[in-house]
Amino acid sequence: MDESESDIALVGRRLYAALDAQDWSRLDRLISPGLVVQVGSGSAMGSTEWRRNQEAFYRGFPDGRHIIEDTVVDHDRFVTRCRFTGTHTGFFVDLAPTGKTVSVGVIHIDRFDQGLLVEHYGQLDMHGLRQQLTAV
């Protein structure tokens, strides 16, 4: 791995560490103001909307963590296959807290430019997440 790919891997891991720590000021220093985000089949969004979505997600799962299982770095892209785990102790979308612990698969493709996240593509197993929260 050359130095630039090593740098991409380092900033990519810092990004997920900032998210999991809910350190929004550190996160702001890692993302471009022109960030473009695409999650699942949803519409593209910018950095402000993405951050609001992240804050809402972590309100539902305040102890949430990305457990990175595999990474690939290709030039300016950091690809992660991971699990998101957390305990549902806050409101999430339309669901009142259940106290259940969840673990769902996630794949992210992040593109960085000059050390800042400029594009984020994410696939989260939302069906599996809802199923874990609503199972009796």
N, C-alpha and C. Protein backbone atom coordinates (compact mmCIF):
# COMPACT_ATOMS: atom_id res chain seq x y z
N MET A 1 0.87 -1.18 0.00
CA MET A 1 0.00 0.00 0.00
C MET A 1 0.91 1.23 0.00
N ASP A 2 0.70 2.14 -0.94
CA ASP A 2 1.53 3.34 -0.95
C ASP A 2 1.03 4.34 0.09
N GLU A 3 1.80 5.43 0.26
CA GLU A 3 1.49 6.38 1.33
C GLU A 3 0.10 6.99 1.19
N SER A 4 -0.32 7.33 -0.01
CA SER A 4 -1.63 7.95 -0.17
C SER A 4 -2.75 6.98 0.23
N GLU A 5 -2.61 5.70 -0.10
CA GLU A 5 -3.62 4.73 0.31
C GLU A 5 -3.61 4.54 1.82
N SER A 6 -2.42 4.61 2.41
CA SER A 6 -2.31 4.52 3.87
C SER A 6 -3.02 5.70 4.52
N ASP A 7 -2.84 6.89 3.94
CA ASP A 7 -3.52 8.08 4.46
C ASP A 7 -5.04 7.95 4.35
N ILE A 8 -5.51 7.42 3.23
CA ILE A 8 -6.96 7.23 3.03
C ILE A 8 -7.51 6.28 4.09
N ALA A 9 -6.81 5.18 4.35
CA ALA A 9 -7.26 4.22 5.36
C ALA A 9 -7.31 4.88 6.74
N LEU A 10 -6.32 5.69 7.05
CA LEU A 10 -6.27 6.35 8.35
C LEU A 10 -7.42 7.34 8.51
N VAL A 11 -7.65 8.18 7.52
CA VAL A 11 -8.74 9.16 7.63
C VAL A 11 -10.10 8.46 7.60
N GLY A 12 -10.20 7.36 6.86
CA GLY A 12 -11.45 6.60 6.86
C GLY A 12 -11.77 6.03 8.23
N ARG A 13 -10.79 5.47 8.89
CA ARG A 13 -11.00 4.94 10.25
C ARG A 13 -11.31 6.07 11.24
N ARG A 14 -10.67 7.21 11.04
CA ARG A 14 -10.96 8.36 11.90
C ARG A 14 -12.41 8.83 11.73
N LEU A 15 -12.90 8.76 10.51
CA LEU A 15 -14.29 9.15 10.23
C LEU A 15 -15.26 8.31 11.06
N TYR A 16 -15.09 6.98 11.02
CA TYR A 16 -16.02 6.11 11.75
C TYR A 16 -15.81 6.20 13.26
N ALA A 17 -14.59 6.47 13.69
CA ALA A 17 -14.35 6.68 15.12
C ALA A 17 -15.06 7.95 15.59
N ALA A 18 -15.02 9.02 14.78
CA ALA A 18 -15.71 10.27 15.14
C ALA A 18 -17.21 10.06 15.19
N LEU A 19 -17.75 9.33 14.22
CA LEU A 19 -19.19 9.03 14.23
C LEU A 19 -19.57 8.27 15.49
N ASP A 20 -18.85 7.19 15.78
CA ASP A 20 -19.19 6.36 16.93
C ASP A 20 -19.01 7.09 18.26
N ALA A 21 -18.08 8.04 18.30
CA ALA A 21 -17.90 8.85 19.51
C ALA A 21 -18.92 9.98 19.56
N GLN A 22 -19.66 10.16 18.47
CA GLN A 22 -20.61 11.26 18.33
C GLN A 22 -19.91 12.59 18.57
N ASP A 23 -18.70 12.67 18.03
CA ASP A 23 -17.88 13.87 18.13
C ASP A 23 -18.13 14.69 16.86
N TRP A 24 -19.21 15.46 16.89
CA TRP A 24 -19.68 16.15 15.69
C TRP A 24 -18.69 17.22 15.23
N SER A 25 -17.97 17.87 16.13
CA SER A 25 -16.99 18.88 15.70
C SER A 25 -15.82 18.20 14.98
N ARG A 26 -15.39 17.05 15.47
CA ARG A 26 -14.30 16.32 14.78
C ARG A 26 -14.80 15.82 13.43
N LEU A 27 -16.04 15.35 13.39
CA LEU A 27 -16.61 14.89 12.14
C LEU A 27 -16.64 16.03 11.12
N ASP A 28 -17.05 17.22 11.57
CA ASP A 28 -17.10 18.38 10.67
C ASP A 28 -15.74 18.67 10.04
N ARG A 29 -14.66 18.39 10.77
CA ARG A 29 -13.32 18.65 10.24
C ARG A 29 -12.88 17.58 9.24
N LEU A 30 -13.63 16.48 9.14
CA LEU A 30 -13.28 15.39 8.24
C LEU A 30 -14.12 15.35 6.97
N ILE A 31 -15.16 16.20 6.90
CA ILE A 31 -16.03 16.16 5.73
C ILE A 31 -15.99 17.48 4.96
N SER A 32 -16.15 17.37 3.68
CA SER A 32 -16.21 18.53 2.80
C SER A 32 -17.57 19.20 2.92
N PRO A 33 -17.61 20.53 2.88
CA PRO A 33 -18.91 21.20 2.89
C PRO A 33 -19.77 20.79 1.68
N GLY A 34 -19.13 20.36 0.61
CA GLY A 34 -19.85 19.93 -0.59
C GLY A 34 -20.11 18.43 -0.62
N LEU A 35 -20.05 17.77 0.52
CA LEU A 35 -20.24 16.32 0.60
C LEU A 35 -21.54 15.89 -0.09
N VAL A 36 -21.45 14.80 -0.85
CA VAL A 36 -22.63 14.19 -1.47
C VAL A 36 -22.79 12.81 -0.87
N VAL A 37 -23.99 12.51 -0.37
CA VAL A 37 -24.27 11.25 0.31
C VAL A 37 -25.42 10.55 -0.39
N GLN A 38 -25.26 9.26 -0.59
CA GLN A 38 -26.32 8.42 -1.15
C GLN A 38 -26.43 7.20 -0.24
N VAL A 39 -27.57 7.03 0.40
CA VAL A 39 -27.79 5.89 1.28
C VAL A 39 -28.91 5.04 0.70
N GLY A 40 -28.60 3.79 0.42
CA GLY A 40 -29.58 2.89 -0.15
C GLY A 40 -30.17 3.47 -1.42
N SER A 41 -31.48 3.41 -1.52
CA SER A 41 -32.17 3.92 -2.70
C SER A 41 -32.71 5.33 -2.49
N GLY A 42 -32.32 5.95 -1.39
CA GLY A 42 -32.80 7.30 -1.09
C GLY A 42 -32.21 8.35 -2.00
N SER A 43 -32.75 9.54 -1.92
CA SER A 43 -32.26 10.66 -2.70
C SER A 43 -30.90 11.10 -2.17
N ALA A 44 -30.11 11.68 -3.05
CA ALA A 44 -28.81 12.22 -2.63
C ALA A 44 -29.05 13.35 -1.65
N MET A 45 -28.13 13.49 -0.71
CA MET A 45 -28.23 14.56 0.28
C MET A 45 -26.87 15.18 0.50
N GLY A 46 -26.88 16.34 1.11
CA GLY A 46 -25.65 17.05 1.42
C GLY A 46 -25.21 16.81 2.86
N SER A 47 -24.16 17.51 3.25
CA SER A 47 -23.55 17.27 4.57
C SER A 47 -24.49 17.62 5.73
N THR A 48 -25.28 18.68 5.61
CA THR A 48 -26.16 19.08 6.70
C THR A 48 -27.24 18.03 6.95
N GLU A 49 -27.89 17.56 5.89
CA GLU A 49 -28.93 16.55 6.04
C GLU A 49 -28.34 15.23 6.53
N TRP A 50 -27.18 14.85 6.01
CA TRP A 50 -26.53 13.61 6.44
C TRP A 50 -26.20 13.65 7.93
N ARG A 51 -25.68 14.79 8.37
CA ARG A 51 -25.34 14.91 9.79
C ARG A 51 -26.60 14.81 10.65
N ARG A 52 -27.68 15.46 10.24
CA ARG A 52 -28.95 15.34 10.98
C ARG A 52 -29.39 13.89 11.07
N ASN A 53 -29.26 13.15 9.97
CA ASN A 53 -29.63 11.74 9.95
C ASN A 53 -28.74 10.93 10.89
N GLN A 54 -27.45 11.23 10.88
CA GLN A 54 -26.53 10.52 11.78
C GLN A 54 -26.86 10.80 13.24
N GLU A 55 -27.13 12.06 13.56
CA GLU A 55 -27.48 12.43 14.94
C GLU A 55 -28.76 11.70 15.37
N ALA A 56 -29.74 11.62 14.50
CA ALA A 56 -30.99 10.93 14.82
C ALA A 56 -30.75 9.44 15.02
N PHE A 57 -29.90 8.85 14.19
CA PHE A 57 -29.60 7.43 14.30
C PHE A 57 -28.95 7.15 15.66
N TYR A 58 -27.98 7.97 16.04
CA TYR A 58 -27.29 7.76 17.31
C TYR A 58 -28.16 8.13 18.52
N ARG A 59 -29.18 8.96 18.33
CA ARG A 59 -30.13 9.17 19.44
C ARG A 59 -30.90 7.88 19.72
N GLY A 60 -31.21 7.14 18.67
CA GLY A 60 -31.89 5.87 18.83
C GLY A 60 -30.99 4.77 19.40
N PHE A 61 -29.70 4.85 19.05
CA PHE A 61 -28.71 3.85 19.46
C PHE A 61 -27.48 4.59 20.02
N PRO A 62 -27.58 5.19 21.21
CA PRO A 62 -26.49 6.02 21.71
C PRO A 62 -25.16 5.29 21.92
N ASP A 63 -25.21 3.98 22.09
CA ASP A 63 -23.97 3.22 22.25
C ASP A 63 -23.55 2.57 20.93
N GLY A 64 -24.12 3.02 19.81
CA GLY A 64 -23.86 2.43 18.50
C GLY A 64 -22.40 2.49 18.11
N ARG A 65 -21.95 1.41 17.45
CA ARG A 65 -20.57 1.30 17.00
C ARG A 65 -20.52 0.58 15.66
N HIS A 66 -19.56 1.02 14.83
CA HIS A 66 -19.24 0.30 13.59
C HIS A 66 -18.12 -0.68 13.92
N ILE A 67 -18.36 -1.94 13.70
CA ILE A 67 -17.31 -2.94 13.86
C ILE A 67 -16.83 -3.27 12.45
N ILE A 68 -15.68 -2.73 12.09
CA ILE A 68 -15.16 -2.89 10.74
C ILE A 68 -14.57 -4.29 10.60
N GLU A 69 -15.12 -5.05 9.66
CA GLU A 69 -14.70 -6.43 9.44
C GLU A 69 -13.74 -6.56 8.26
N ASP A 70 -13.83 -5.64 7.30
CA ASP A 70 -13.00 -5.73 6.10
C ASP A 70 -12.91 -4.35 5.48
N THR A 71 -11.75 -4.03 4.93
CA THR A 71 -11.58 -2.76 4.23
C THR A 71 -10.83 -2.99 2.92
N VAL A 72 -11.10 -2.12 1.98
CA VAL A 72 -10.36 -2.07 0.72
C VAL A 72 -10.10 -0.60 0.45
N VAL A 73 -8.86 -0.28 0.13
CA VAL A 73 -8.52 1.08 -0.28
C VAL A 73 -8.09 1.02 -1.73
N ASP A 74 -8.70 1.86 -2.54
CA ASP A 74 -8.36 1.95 -3.95
C ASP A 74 -8.24 3.42 -4.31
N HIS A 75 -7.02 3.88 -4.44
CA HIS A 75 -6.72 5.28 -4.72
C HIS A 75 -7.36 6.18 -3.67
N ASP A 76 -8.46 6.85 -4.00
CA ASP A 76 -9.08 7.81 -3.08
C ASP A 76 -10.32 7.25 -2.40
N ARG A 77 -10.54 5.94 -2.53
CA ARG A 77 -11.75 5.32 -1.96
C ARG A 77 -11.41 4.38 -0.80
N PHE A 78 -12.25 4.45 0.23
CA PHE A 78 -12.14 3.59 1.41
C PHE A 78 -13.45 2.81 1.50
N VAL A 79 -13.38 1.51 1.29
CA VAL A 79 -14.56 0.66 1.28
C VAL A 79 -14.55 -0.17 2.56
N THR A 80 -15.67 -0.17 3.27
CA THR A 80 -15.75 -0.95 4.50
C THR A 80 -16.94 -1.89 4.45
N ARG A 81 -16.70 -3.09 4.92
CA ARG A 81 -17.77 -4.04 5.21
C ARG A 81 -17.75 -4.14 6.73
N CYS A 82 -18.88 -3.81 7.33
CA CYS A 82 -18.88 -3.76 8.79
C CYS A 82 -20.24 -4.16 9.34
N ARG A 83 -20.31 -4.17 10.66
CA ARG A 83 -21.56 -4.38 11.37
C ARG A 83 -21.78 -3.14 12.22
N PHE A 84 -23.02 -2.71 12.26
CA PHE A 84 -23.38 -1.66 13.20
C PHE A 84 -24.09 -2.35 14.34
N THR A 85 -23.60 -2.14 15.55
CA THR A 85 -24.22 -2.72 16.73
C THR A 85 -24.60 -1.60 17.68
N GLY A 86 -25.68 -1.80 18.40
CA GLY A 86 -26.09 -0.81 19.37
C GLY A 86 -27.35 -1.25 20.08
N THR A 87 -27.66 -0.54 21.16
CA THR A 87 -28.84 -0.83 21.96
C THR A 87 -29.88 0.24 21.71
N HIS A 88 -31.08 -0.17 21.40
CA HIS A 88 -32.17 0.74 21.05
C HIS A 88 -32.78 1.33 22.33
N THR A 89 -32.17 2.42 22.80
CA THR A 89 -32.64 3.05 24.04
C THR A 89 -33.25 4.42 23.82
N GLY A 90 -33.28 4.86 22.57
CA GLY A 90 -33.91 6.14 22.23
C GLY A 90 -34.85 5.95 21.06
N PHE A 91 -35.66 6.98 20.78
CA PHE A 91 -36.57 6.89 19.64
C PHE A 91 -35.77 6.78 18.35
N PHE A 92 -36.22 5.90 17.47
CA PHE A 92 -35.59 5.70 16.17
C PHE A 92 -36.69 5.63 15.13
N VAL A 93 -36.68 6.58 14.22
CA VAL A 93 -37.70 6.73 13.19
C VAL A 93 -39.06 6.76 13.89
N ASP A 94 -39.86 5.71 13.74
CA ASP A 94 -41.19 5.69 14.35
C ASP A 94 -41.28 4.69 15.50
N LEU A 95 -40.12 4.21 15.97
CA LEU A 95 -40.12 3.16 16.99
C LEU A 95 -39.67 3.68 18.35
N ALA A 96 -40.51 3.47 19.34
CA ALA A 96 -40.14 3.80 20.72
C ALA A 96 -39.03 2.86 21.16
N PRO A 97 -38.22 3.27 22.13
CA PRO A 97 -37.12 2.42 22.60
C PRO A 97 -37.60 1.04 23.02
N THR A 98 -36.85 0.02 22.58
CA THR A 98 -37.19 -1.37 22.93
C THR A 98 -36.19 -1.97 23.91
N GLY A 99 -35.03 -1.37 24.04
CA GLY A 99 -33.97 -1.94 24.87
C GLY A 99 -33.24 -3.09 24.20
N LYS A 100 -33.61 -3.40 22.95
CA LYS A 100 -32.98 -4.52 22.24
C LYS A 100 -31.63 -4.11 21.66
N THR A 101 -30.71 -5.07 21.67
CA THR A 101 -29.41 -4.87 21.03
C THR A 101 -29.52 -5.40 19.61
N VAL A 102 -29.02 -4.60 18.66
CA VAL A 102 -29.08 -4.99 17.25
C VAL A 102 -27.67 -5.15 16.69
N SER A 103 -27.59 -5.89 15.61
CA SER A 103 -26.35 -6.04 14.86
C SER A 103 -26.74 -6.22 13.40
N VAL A 104 -26.38 -5.25 12.57
CA VAL A 104 -26.78 -5.30 11.16
C VAL A 104 -25.57 -5.05 10.25
N GLY A 105 -25.62 -5.67 9.09
CA GLY A 105 -24.57 -5.51 8.11
C GLY A 105 -24.65 -4.16 7.40
N VAL A 106 -23.47 -3.61 7.12
CA VAL A 106 -23.36 -2.31 6.45
C VAL A 106 -22.19 -2.37 5.47
N ILE A 107 -22.35 -1.74 4.33
CA ILE A 107 -21.24 -1.54 3.40
C ILE A 107 -21.19 -0.05 3.07
N HIS A 108 -20.00 0.51 3.18
CA HIS A 108 -19.79 1.93 2.86
C HIS A 108 -18.71 2.05 1.78
N ILE A 109 -18.91 2.99 0.89
CA ILE A 109 -17.87 3.39 -0.06
C ILE A 109 -17.69 4.88 0.14
N ASP A 110 -16.52 5.26 0.61
CA ASP A 110 -16.22 6.67 0.89
C ASP A 110 -15.10 7.14 -0.01
N ARG A 111 -15.28 8.32 -0.59
CA ARG A 111 -14.22 8.91 -1.42
C ARG A 111 -13.72 10.17 -0.72
N PHE A 112 -12.40 10.26 -0.66
CA PHE A 112 -11.74 11.38 0.01
C PHE A 112 -10.95 12.20 -0.99
N ASP A 113 -10.87 13.50 -0.73
CA ASP A 113 -10.06 14.41 -1.53
C ASP A 113 -9.36 15.35 -0.56
N GLN A 114 -8.05 15.35 -0.59
CA GLN A 114 -7.23 16.19 0.29
C GLN A 114 -7.63 16.00 1.76
N GLY A 115 -7.85 14.75 2.14
CA GLY A 115 -8.13 14.41 3.52
C GLY A 115 -9.56 14.64 3.97
N LEU A 116 -10.44 15.04 3.06
CA LEU A 116 -11.85 15.28 3.43
C LEU A 116 -12.76 14.32 2.69
N LEU A 117 -13.80 13.89 3.37
CA LEU A 117 -14.82 13.03 2.76
C LEU A 117 -15.62 13.88 1.79
N VAL A 118 -15.66 13.47 0.51
CA VAL A 118 -16.41 14.21 -0.50
C VAL A 118 -17.62 13.43 -1.03
N GLU A 119 -17.57 12.09 -0.91
CA GLU A 119 -18.69 11.26 -1.33
C GLU A 119 -18.83 10.10 -0.36
N HIS A 120 -20.07 9.79 0.00
CA HIS A 120 -20.35 8.65 0.88
C HIS A 120 -21.53 7.88 0.30
N TYR A 121 -21.31 6.60 0.06
CA TYR A 121 -22.36 5.70 -0.41
C TYR A 121 -22.52 4.63 0.66
N GLY A 122 -23.74 4.41 1.13
CA GLY A 122 -23.95 3.44 2.19
C GLY A 122 -25.11 2.51 1.91
N GLN A 123 -24.95 1.27 2.33
CA GLN A 123 -26.00 0.26 2.27
C GLN A 123 -26.09 -0.36 3.66
N LEU A 124 -27.21 -0.16 4.32
CA LEU A 124 -27.46 -0.70 5.65
C LEU A 124 -28.64 -1.65 5.54
N ASP A 125 -28.56 -2.76 6.22
CA ASP A 125 -29.65 -3.74 6.21
C ASP A 125 -30.79 -3.22 7.07
N MET A 126 -31.54 -2.26 6.54
CA MET A 126 -32.65 -1.65 7.28
C MET A 126 -33.76 -2.66 7.56
N HIS A 127 -33.99 -3.58 6.63
CA HIS A 127 -35.01 -4.61 6.87
C HIS A 127 -34.61 -5.46 8.08
N GLY A 128 -33.36 -5.89 8.12
CA GLY A 128 -32.88 -6.67 9.25
C GLY A 128 -32.93 -5.90 10.55
N LEU A 129 -32.63 -4.60 10.48
CA LEU A 129 -32.68 -3.76 11.68
C LEU A 129 -34.10 -3.68 12.22
N ARG A 130 -35.05 -3.38 11.35
CA ARG A 130 -36.45 -3.30 11.79
C ARG A 130 -36.94 -4.64 12.32
N GLN A 131 -36.53 -5.71 11.66
CA GLN A 131 -36.94 -7.04 12.07
C GLN A 131 -36.43 -7.33 13.50
N GLN A 132 -35.19 -6.97 13.77
CA GLN A 132 -34.64 -7.19 15.12
C GLN A 132 -35.37 -6.36 16.17
N LEU A 133 -35.81 -5.17 15.79
CA LEU A 133 -36.48 -4.29 16.75
C LEU A 133 -37.94 -4.67 17.00
N THR A 134 -38.59 -5.26 16.00
CA THR A 134 -40.02 -5.55 16.14
C THR A 134 -40.32 -7.01 16.44
N ALA A 135 -39.30 -7.86 16.42
CA ALA A 135 -39.52 -9.30 16.71
C ALA A 135 -40.00 -9.45 18.15
N VAL A 136 -40.95 -10.33 18.35
CA VAL A 136 -41.50 -10.56 19.69
C VAL A 136 -40.75 -11.64 20.41
